[in-house]
Protein backbone atom coordinates (compact mmCIF):
# COMPACT_ATOMS: atom_id res chain seq x y z
CA MET A 1 62.04 143.27 -1.47
CA THR A 2 60.52 142.42 1.84
CA LYS A 3 61.22 139.02 3.24
CA LEU A 4 58.41 137.32 5.16
CA VAL A 5 59.14 135.01 8.01
CA PHE A 6 56.17 132.97 9.39
CA GLU A 7 55.73 131.46 12.76
CA LEU A 8 53.43 128.63 12.08
CA PRO A 9 51.48 126.84 14.79
CA ASP A 10 52.47 123.20 15.41
CA LYS A 11 50.65 120.23 16.99
CA THR A 12 51.24 121.65 20.48
CA THR A 13 49.87 125.18 19.87
CA PRO A 14 46.51 125.77 21.51
CA GLY A 15 43.54 126.85 19.43
CA PHE A 16 43.81 124.19 16.74
CA PHE A 17 40.05 124.06 15.88
CA ARG A 18 39.70 127.89 15.88
CA ARG A 19 42.61 128.18 13.40
CA MET A 20 41.40 125.28 11.28
CA ARG A 21 37.85 126.56 11.04
CA LYS A 22 38.99 130.11 10.06
CA ALA A 23 41.57 128.80 7.56
CA LEU A 24 39.02 126.49 6.00
CA GLN A 25 36.48 129.25 5.73
CA PHE A 26 39.05 131.51 3.97
CA ARG A 27 40.05 128.70 1.66
CA ASP A 28 36.42 128.29 0.61
CA LEU A 29 35.93 132.04 0.26
CA MET A 30 38.87 132.18 -2.11
CA SER A 31 36.96 130.09 -4.69
CA GLU A 32 34.98 133.26 -5.40
CA PRO A 33 36.97 136.06 -3.72
CA THR A 34 35.71 139.56 -3.04
CA PRO A 35 37.89 142.53 -2.02
CA GLU A 36 36.57 142.20 1.46
CA SER A 37 37.35 138.41 1.72
CA ILE A 38 40.86 139.03 0.44
CA ASP A 39 41.35 141.70 3.11
CA GLN A 40 40.10 139.29 5.78
CA VAL A 41 42.52 136.55 4.57
CA ILE A 42 45.46 138.98 4.72
CA ASP A 43 44.44 140.11 8.20
CA PHE A 44 44.25 136.50 9.37
CA LEU A 45 47.55 135.48 7.87
CA ALA A 46 49.34 138.55 9.13
CA ASP A 47 48.99 137.17 12.69
CA PHE A 48 51.39 134.40 11.72
CA VAL A 49 54.06 136.77 10.24
CA LYS A 50 57.11 137.08 12.47
CA GLU A 51 59.08 139.35 10.12
CA PRO A 52 58.54 142.10 9.25
CA ALA A 53 57.24 142.87 12.76
CA GLU A 54 55.30 145.93 11.68
CA LYS A 55 51.79 144.73 10.85
CA GLN A 56 51.22 146.91 7.76
CA ALA A 57 54.58 145.88 6.27
CA ALA A 58 53.55 142.20 6.83
CA LYS A 59 50.18 142.80 5.15
CA ASP A 60 51.81 144.58 2.20
CA ALA A 61 54.26 141.70 1.63
CA LEU A 62 51.34 139.14 1.88
CA TYR A 63 49.51 141.00 -0.88
CA ASP A 64 52.56 140.35 -3.12
CA ALA A 65 52.70 136.63 -2.35
CA THR A 66 51.89 134.01 -4.95
CA GLN A 67 48.71 131.91 -4.99
CA GLU A 68 50.80 128.88 -4.21
CA GLN A 69 52.24 130.62 -1.11
CA ILE A 70 48.91 131.80 0.16
CA GLU A 71 47.27 128.42 -0.32
CA SER A 72 50.16 126.62 1.28
CA LEU A 73 50.06 129.02 4.29
CA LEU A 74 46.38 128.56 4.70
CA LEU A 75 46.80 124.80 4.68
CA SER A 76 49.62 124.85 7.10
CA VAL A 77 47.71 127.11 9.52
CA ALA A 78 44.73 124.73 9.25
CA GLY A 79 46.88 121.86 10.30
CA GLY A 80 46.84 120.00 6.96
CA GLY A 81 50.15 121.24 5.59
CA SER A 82 53.76 120.29 6.10
CA ASN A 83 54.54 123.55 8.04
CA THR A 84 56.75 124.47 5.17
CA VAL A 85 55.61 127.38 3.11
CA PRO A 86 57.35 128.38 -0.11
CA PRO A 87 59.57 131.51 0.48
CA VAL A 88 57.57 134.73 0.18
CA ASN A 89 59.30 137.87 -1.07
CA GLY A 90 57.21 140.99 -1.69
CA GLY A 91 57.99 144.36 -3.03
CA SER A 92 58.32 147.16 -0.61
């Protein structure tokens, strides 16, 4: 199992509207996902993964996350969440 640790932006992190816009776009895309849109969401969320540090390992673990975890992470990145994401453990 791979443990994912996220470094989520807070209210003092620059780029709020950029993150919010992108996260909201992805949230909307997920109502009718395509393989390409899923890959884009994973690439976006991987930027917030602190552990594992290796990008491909982080992406692999994100693919194993639950719907609740992904939605919570997108909401947190967009600034509408509690900055608490359910624990994510992926197979690796």
